[in-house]
Amino acid sequence: MPRSKVKLAFIKDNKAWKNSFMKRKEWLKNKLKEVSILCSIEACVILYSSYEPELEVWPEDNTAFPNVLNAFLTKSPMERRNFLLNRIATSRKGSARLSRRSRSRLWKTAIWQWPT
């Protein structure tokens, strides 16, 4: 049975917000672990919240963290900039393609529903 669509809105209840944050934090760490295993890459994440006084780093044994950080810092600012610009361009192309597809479907729907 499919899940119902989740309404995205700011959580006003502090207890519910904290509970949601904790669940999503665990989900994020689990997904990062899966990606790092499936793609055989080194990955790490730094989590901070106002509920916990210290930063939380995954993986807990801190094996990948120095390697990932050094790999990032050894790249020149120009390489980092080019990487980000390429990602932005790729996402814009995908967005434009989806926009054209949506516009096409809208026109087809409008034509078929045109009152006679």
N, C-alpha and C. Protein backbone atom coordinates (compact mmCIF):
# COMPACT_ATOMS: atom_id res chain seq x y z
N MET A 1 0.84 -1.17 0.00
CA MET A 1 0.00 0.00 0.00
C MET A 1 0.89 1.24 0.00
N PRO A 2 0.67 2.17 -0.93
CA PRO A 2 1.52 3.36 -1.00
C PRO A 2 1.28 4.29 0.18
N ARG A 3 2.33 5.02 0.49
CA ARG A 3 2.22 6.01 1.57
C ARG A 3 1.46 7.22 1.08
N SER A 4 0.84 7.89 2.01
CA SER A 4 0.16 9.14 1.64
C SER A 4 1.20 10.25 1.48
N LYS A 5 0.86 11.25 0.71
CA LYS A 5 1.78 12.35 0.47
C LYS A 5 1.98 13.15 1.76
N VAL A 6 3.24 13.45 2.05
CA VAL A 6 3.58 14.18 3.26
C VAL A 6 3.50 15.67 2.99
N LYS A 7 2.80 16.38 3.84
CA LYS A 7 2.70 17.82 3.71
C LYS A 7 3.93 18.45 4.36
N LEU A 8 4.69 19.21 3.59
CA LEU A 8 5.88 19.85 4.11
C LEU A 8 5.51 21.18 4.75
N ALA A 9 5.76 21.27 6.02
CA ALA A 9 5.49 22.50 6.75
C ALA A 9 6.40 22.55 7.97
N PHE A 10 6.64 23.74 8.47
CA PHE A 10 7.47 23.88 9.65
C PHE A 10 6.78 23.24 10.85
N ILE A 11 7.54 22.46 11.61
CA ILE A 11 6.99 21.79 12.80
C ILE A 11 7.07 22.77 13.97
N LYS A 12 5.93 23.14 14.49
CA LYS A 12 5.89 24.14 15.56
C LYS A 12 6.11 23.53 16.94
N ASP A 13 5.65 22.30 17.13
CA ASP A 13 5.81 21.63 18.41
C ASP A 13 7.27 21.23 18.58
N ASN A 14 7.91 21.71 19.64
CA ASN A 14 9.33 21.48 19.85
C ASN A 14 9.67 20.01 20.02
N LYS A 15 8.83 19.29 20.74
CA LYS A 15 9.08 17.86 20.98
C LYS A 15 8.96 17.08 19.67
N ALA A 16 7.97 17.39 18.87
CA ALA A 16 7.79 16.72 17.58
C ALA A 16 8.94 17.07 16.64
N TRP A 17 9.41 18.31 16.69
CA TRP A 17 10.52 18.73 15.85
C TRP A 17 11.77 17.94 16.20
N LYS A 18 12.05 17.81 17.49
CA LYS A 18 13.23 17.07 17.93
C LYS A 18 13.11 15.61 17.53
N ASN A 19 11.94 15.03 17.68
CA ASN A 19 11.72 13.64 17.32
C ASN A 19 11.95 13.44 15.82
N SER A 20 11.41 14.33 15.01
CA SER A 20 11.59 14.25 13.56
C SER A 20 13.06 14.40 13.19
N PHE A 21 13.76 15.32 13.84
CA PHE A 21 15.18 15.53 13.57
C PHE A 21 15.98 14.27 13.87
N MET A 22 15.70 13.64 15.00
CA MET A 22 16.44 12.43 15.38
C MET A 22 16.20 11.30 14.37
N LYS A 23 14.96 11.14 13.93
CA LYS A 23 14.65 10.10 12.94
C LYS A 23 15.37 10.38 11.62
N ARG A 24 15.33 11.61 11.18
CA ARG A 24 15.96 11.96 9.91
C ARG A 24 17.48 11.86 10.00
N LYS A 25 18.03 12.16 11.16
CA LYS A 25 19.47 12.04 11.36
C LYS A 25 19.90 10.59 11.21
N GLU A 26 19.16 9.69 11.82
CA GLU A 26 19.47 8.26 11.71
C GLU A 26 19.29 7.78 10.28
N TRP A 27 18.24 8.26 9.60
CA TRP A 27 18.01 7.89 8.21
C TRP A 27 19.17 8.35 7.34
N LEU A 28 19.64 9.59 7.56
CA LEU A 28 20.74 10.14 6.78
C LEU A 28 22.00 9.32 6.97
N LYS A 29 22.32 8.97 8.20
CA LYS A 29 23.52 8.17 8.45
C LYS A 29 23.41 6.80 7.80
N ASN A 30 22.22 6.21 7.86
CA ASN A 30 22.01 4.90 7.25
C ASN A 30 22.19 4.96 5.74
N LYS A 31 21.62 5.97 5.09
CA LYS A 31 21.74 6.12 3.64
C LYS A 31 23.19 6.38 3.23
N LEU A 32 23.90 7.18 4.00
CA LEU A 32 25.29 7.46 3.69
C LEU A 32 26.12 6.19 3.80
N LYS A 33 25.82 5.38 4.78
CA LYS A 33 26.52 4.10 4.93
C LYS A 33 26.25 3.21 3.72
N GLU A 34 24.99 3.15 3.28
CA GLU A 34 24.64 2.33 2.12
C GLU A 34 25.36 2.81 0.87
N VAL A 35 25.37 4.11 0.64
CA VAL A 35 26.03 4.66 -0.55
C VAL A 35 27.53 4.40 -0.50
N SER A 36 28.14 4.58 0.65
CA SER A 36 29.58 4.36 0.75
C SER A 36 29.94 2.89 0.51
N ILE A 37 29.07 1.97 0.91
CA ILE A 37 29.33 0.54 0.68
C ILE A 37 29.07 0.18 -0.79
N LEU A 38 27.91 0.61 -1.31
CA LEU A 38 27.55 0.25 -2.68
C LEU A 38 28.49 0.84 -3.72
N CYS A 39 28.93 2.05 -3.50
CA CYS A 39 29.79 2.74 -4.48
C CYS A 39 31.27 2.62 -4.13
N SER A 40 31.58 1.97 -3.02
CA SER A 40 32.94 1.80 -2.50
C SER A 40 33.69 3.14 -2.48
N ILE A 41 33.08 4.10 -1.81
CA ILE A 41 33.68 5.42 -1.65
C ILE A 41 33.83 5.72 -0.16
N GLU A 42 34.69 6.67 0.11
CA GLU A 42 34.79 7.15 1.49
C GLU A 42 33.87 8.35 1.62
N ALA A 43 33.04 8.33 2.64
CA ALA A 43 32.10 9.42 2.86
C ALA A 43 32.04 9.72 4.34
N CYS A 44 31.67 10.96 4.64
CA CYS A 44 31.49 11.34 6.03
C CYS A 44 30.43 12.43 6.10
N VAL A 45 29.90 12.61 7.30
CA VAL A 45 28.91 13.66 7.51
C VAL A 45 29.15 14.27 8.89
N ILE A 46 28.92 15.57 8.98
CA ILE A 46 29.01 16.30 10.25
C ILE A 46 27.61 16.81 10.56
N LEU A 47 27.10 16.45 11.73
CA LEU A 47 25.75 16.85 12.13
C LEU A 47 25.84 17.75 13.35
N TYR A 48 25.04 18.80 13.31
CA TYR A 48 24.98 19.72 14.44
C TYR A 48 23.52 20.05 14.72
N SER A 49 23.16 20.06 15.98
CA SER A 49 21.82 20.50 16.35
C SER A 49 21.91 21.31 17.63
N SER A 50 20.89 22.09 17.87
CA SER A 50 20.87 22.89 19.09
C SER A 50 20.56 22.03 20.31
N TYR A 51 20.13 20.79 20.09
CA TYR A 51 19.80 19.90 21.20
C TYR A 51 21.02 19.19 21.77
N GLU A 52 22.04 19.03 20.94
CA GLU A 52 23.24 18.33 21.40
C GLU A 52 24.41 19.30 21.40
N PRO A 53 25.14 19.40 22.49
CA PRO A 53 26.18 20.42 22.60
C PRO A 53 27.38 20.16 21.68
N GLU A 54 27.63 18.90 21.27
CA GLU A 54 28.79 18.59 20.46
C GLU A 54 28.39 18.21 19.05
N LEU A 55 29.33 18.40 18.13
CA LEU A 55 29.12 17.97 16.75
C LEU A 55 29.11 16.44 16.72
N GLU A 56 28.31 15.90 15.84
CA GLU A 56 28.29 14.45 15.67
C GLU A 56 28.88 14.14 14.30
N VAL A 57 29.85 13.26 14.27
CA VAL A 57 30.55 12.91 13.04
C VAL A 57 30.26 11.45 12.72
N TRP A 58 29.95 11.18 11.46
CA TRP A 58 29.80 9.80 11.03
C TRP A 58 30.83 9.52 9.96
N PRO A 59 31.53 8.44 9.96
CA PRO A 59 31.48 7.30 10.85
C PRO A 59 32.11 7.63 12.20
N GLU A 60 31.63 6.91 13.22
CA GLU A 60 32.04 7.22 14.59
C GLU A 60 33.52 6.99 14.82
N ASP A 61 34.11 6.02 14.11
CA ASP A 61 35.53 5.72 14.33
C ASP A 61 36.46 6.72 13.63
N ASN A 62 35.88 7.68 12.91
CA ASN A 62 36.63 8.77 12.26
C ASN A 62 37.71 8.29 11.30
N THR A 63 37.49 7.16 10.65
CA THR A 63 38.49 6.68 9.69
C THR A 63 38.42 7.43 8.37
N ALA A 64 37.22 7.67 7.88
CA ALA A 64 37.07 8.31 6.57
C ALA A 64 37.15 9.82 6.66
N PHE A 65 36.84 10.38 7.81
CA PHE A 65 36.74 11.84 7.92
C PHE A 65 38.02 12.56 7.52
N PRO A 66 39.19 12.21 8.06
CA PRO A 66 40.41 12.93 7.65
C PRO A 66 40.71 12.77 6.16
N ASN A 67 40.46 11.58 5.61
CA ASN A 67 40.73 11.35 4.18
C ASN A 67 39.82 12.21 3.30
N VAL A 68 38.54 12.25 3.62
CA VAL A 68 37.59 13.03 2.83
C VAL A 68 37.91 14.52 2.95
N LEU A 69 38.18 14.97 4.14
CA LEU A 69 38.50 16.38 4.36
C LEU A 69 39.77 16.78 3.62
N ASN A 70 40.80 15.95 3.68
CA ASN A 70 42.05 16.25 2.97
C ASN A 70 41.85 16.25 1.46
N ALA A 71 41.05 15.31 0.96
CA ALA A 71 40.77 15.26 -0.48
C ALA A 71 40.06 16.54 -0.92
N PHE A 72 39.17 17.03 -0.09
CA PHE A 72 38.45 18.26 -0.42
C PHE A 72 39.38 19.47 -0.35
N LEU A 73 40.19 19.55 0.69
CA LEU A 73 41.04 20.72 0.88
C LEU A 73 42.21 20.76 -0.09
N THR A 74 42.65 19.62 -0.63
CA THR A 74 43.77 19.62 -1.56
C THR A 74 43.36 20.10 -2.95
N LYS A 75 42.08 20.06 -3.25
CA LYS A 75 41.62 20.59 -4.54
C LYS A 75 41.71 22.11 -4.52
N SER A 76 42.06 22.65 -5.65
CA SER A 76 42.17 24.10 -5.73
C SER A 76 40.77 24.71 -5.72
N PRO A 77 40.67 25.97 -5.31
CA PRO A 77 39.36 26.63 -5.33
C PRO A 77 38.73 26.64 -6.72
N MET A 78 39.56 26.71 -7.76
CA MET A 78 39.03 26.71 -9.13
C MET A 78 38.41 25.35 -9.46
N GLU A 79 39.02 24.26 -9.02
CA GLU A 79 38.45 22.92 -9.26
C GLU A 79 37.12 22.77 -8.53
N ARG A 80 37.07 23.26 -7.29
CA ARG A 80 35.81 23.19 -6.53
C ARG A 80 34.74 24.02 -7.21
N ARG A 81 35.11 25.21 -7.69
CA ARG A 81 34.16 26.09 -8.36
C ARG A 81 33.64 25.44 -9.64
N ASN A 82 34.53 24.86 -10.43
CA ASN A 82 34.12 24.20 -11.67
C ASN A 82 33.19 23.02 -11.40
N PHE A 83 33.49 22.27 -10.37
CA PHE A 83 32.63 21.14 -10.02
C PHE A 83 31.23 21.63 -9.68
N LEU A 84 31.15 22.66 -8.86
CA LEU A 84 29.83 23.18 -8.47
C LEU A 84 29.09 23.78 -9.67
N LEU A 85 29.81 24.49 -10.53
CA LEU A 85 29.17 25.05 -11.71
C LEU A 85 28.64 23.95 -12.64
N ASN A 86 29.40 22.86 -12.79
CA ASN A 86 28.93 21.74 -13.60
C ASN A 86 27.68 21.12 -13.01
N ARG A 87 27.64 20.97 -11.70
CA ARG A 87 26.46 20.39 -11.04
C ARG A 87 25.25 21.30 -11.24
N ILE A 88 25.45 22.61 -11.12
CA ILE A 88 24.35 23.56 -11.30
C ILE A 88 23.83 23.50 -12.74
N ALA A 89 24.75 23.47 -13.70
CA ALA A 89 24.34 23.41 -15.11
C ALA A 89 23.57 22.13 -15.40
N THR A 90 24.02 21.01 -14.86
CA THR A 90 23.34 19.74 -15.07
C THR A 90 21.94 19.76 -14.48
N SER A 91 21.81 20.32 -13.29
CA SER A 91 20.48 20.38 -12.67
C SER A 91 19.55 21.32 -13.43
N ARG A 92 20.09 22.40 -14.00
CA ARG A 92 19.26 23.31 -14.79
C ARG A 92 18.77 22.65 -16.07
N LYS A 93 19.65 21.85 -16.70
CA LYS A 93 19.23 21.13 -17.91
C LYS A 93 18.10 20.16 -17.58
N GLY A 94 18.25 19.43 -16.48
CA GLY A 94 17.20 18.50 -16.07
C GLY A 94 15.91 19.22 -15.76
N SER A 95 16.03 20.38 -15.11
CA SER A 95 14.85 21.18 -14.78
C SER A 95 14.17 21.69 -16.04
N ALA A 96 14.96 22.15 -17.01
CA ALA A 96 14.39 22.65 -18.26
C ALA A 96 13.68 21.52 -19.01
N ARG A 97 14.28 20.33 -19.01
CA ARG A 97 13.66 19.18 -19.68
C ARG A 97 12.33 18.84 -19.03
N LEU A 98 12.29 18.83 -17.71
CA LEU A 98 11.04 18.54 -17.00
C LEU A 98 10.02 19.62 -17.26
N SER A 99 10.46 20.87 -17.34
CA SER A 99 9.55 21.98 -17.60
C SER A 99 8.93 21.85 -18.99
N ARG A 100 9.75 21.52 -19.99
CA ARG A 100 9.22 21.33 -21.35
C ARG A 100 8.22 20.19 -21.39
N ARG A 101 8.54 19.09 -20.69
CA ARG A 101 7.64 17.94 -20.66
C ARG A 101 6.32 18.31 -20.00
N SER A 102 6.38 19.06 -18.91
CA SER A 102 5.15 19.48 -18.22
C SER A 102 4.32 20.40 -19.09
N ARG A 103 4.99 21.35 -19.77
CA ARG A 103 4.29 22.26 -20.66
C ARG A 103 3.61 21.51 -21.79
N SER A 104 4.30 20.52 -22.34
CA SER A 104 3.75 19.71 -23.42
C SER A 104 2.50 18.97 -22.95
N ARG A 105 2.59 18.37 -21.76
CA ARG A 105 1.43 17.64 -21.22
C ARG A 105 0.28 18.59 -20.94
N LEU A 106 0.58 19.77 -20.46
CA LEU A 106 -0.46 20.76 -20.17
C LEU A 106 -1.19 21.14 -21.45
N TRP A 107 -0.44 21.39 -22.54
CA TRP A 107 -1.07 21.75 -23.80
C TRP A 107 -1.93 20.61 -24.35
N LYS A 108 -1.41 19.39 -24.25
CA LYS A 108 -2.18 18.24 -24.74
C LYS A 108 -3.48 18.09 -23.96
N THR A 109 -3.40 18.28 -22.65
CA THR A 109 -4.58 18.18 -21.80
C THR A 109 -5.56 19.31 -22.14
N ALA A 110 -5.04 20.51 -22.34
CA ALA A 110 -5.90 21.66 -22.64
C ALA A 110 -6.60 21.47 -23.98
N ILE A 111 -5.88 20.92 -24.95
CA ILE A 111 -6.48 20.71 -26.26
C ILE A 111 -7.60 19.68 -26.17
N TRP A 112 -7.38 18.60 -25.45
CA TRP A 112 -8.39 17.54 -25.35
C TRP A 112 -9.60 17.99 -24.54
N GLN A 113 -9.40 18.93 -23.63
CA GLN A 113 -10.51 19.37 -22.80
C GLN A 113 -11.15 20.66 -23.32
N TRP A 114 -10.78 21.09 -24.51
CA TRP A 114 -11.30 22.32 -25.08
C TRP A 114 -12.80 22.17 -25.31
N PRO A 115 -13.61 23.10 -24.80
CA PRO A 115 -15.07 22.97 -24.99
C PRO A 115 -15.44 23.16 -26.47
N THR A 116 -16.37 22.36 -26.92
CA THR A 116 -16.78 22.46 -28.33
C THR A 116 -18.13 23.09 -28.47
